[in-house]
Amino acid sequence: MGHASSNTGAVSQRRLSFFFAVLIVCWLTSWTGVAAQDESNNAAQLMSHGFDCFSCHAIDKDVVGPAWVSVATRYHHDPSRSSYLAQKIRGGGVGDWGKVPMPAHADMSQKLAMQLAIYILSLKGSLQKESTRKYKYKNADAKVVTVDFPVFESVGNRKVVTDDIFGGFEKYDSYCFRCHGFDAVGGEYAPDLRQSLDNGMSKRQFFTAAMEGAQDKGMPGWAGFFTAEELNQVYEYVLTRALNLIGPGRPPSKTD
């Protein structure tokens, strides 16, 4: 009887030890999951706390500045480079990625800059390839023009502009018109952007001028106000005006 009782006690102790081991594993797993969730949330919060990162950058494509996956690849996804990258984020600079200056972000705390740097260095992937699809349309002069984005679509029996073109019109005629004139026809204080594009201004130059501004000419920088996607809508709208694909005034839209 004593031997059986001893065995029973040993089994109970082993079961209890196993039970506590399972509890510890579950707690560690839960804690790790929460930590990963927190890290993901921190990265998302960085993007939504008023910082203008996505005005000049995108994760997987070049805008005014390099794609973040390119930055991560250059520094070999090495977390030890996070301090250097955080310094570049806060201090700005020019030359590492071309002639367009990276504005300083001294108002970003060192802690947040480090979190952002670590997040960037963790990114892996390839650059998003530019679409090779072309769209041909006849403009108001019956001339065939080719663009690399859709301008029109059909809704029932109606021909309307795409959401992106209409979004560009709304943003332009809400903000840009003050200096560049309604409907992108030029204004008293700033040039006709249609003419600028006709004279060879590239999309990158358009973005750089809009995001960085030109203080000596009274041109505000729109970084932090427009995202790259929103500015792209403005660019496409102005280009369709320059190509005479749509006329002045409100273009036909789905909401009409």
Foldseek 3Di string as FASTA:
>chain_A
DVVVVVVVVVVVVVVVVVVVVVVVVVVVVVVVVVVVVVLVVLLVVLVVPLALCQLQEDQAAGALHGHLQVVLVVVVLDLVCLLVQLCCAQPWAADPTHGQTGDHNVVDDSVSSSSNSNVSNNDHDHHDDQDPDKDWDQAPVRDIDIDSDFAWDDDPNDIFGDPLLLLLLVVCQVPVCVQQNAQQCGDDQDGRVLVVVVVPQDNSNQSSCQQVPDVVSPGDHCRSPDGSSSVVSNVVNSPCVSVNRDDGDRTGDPVD
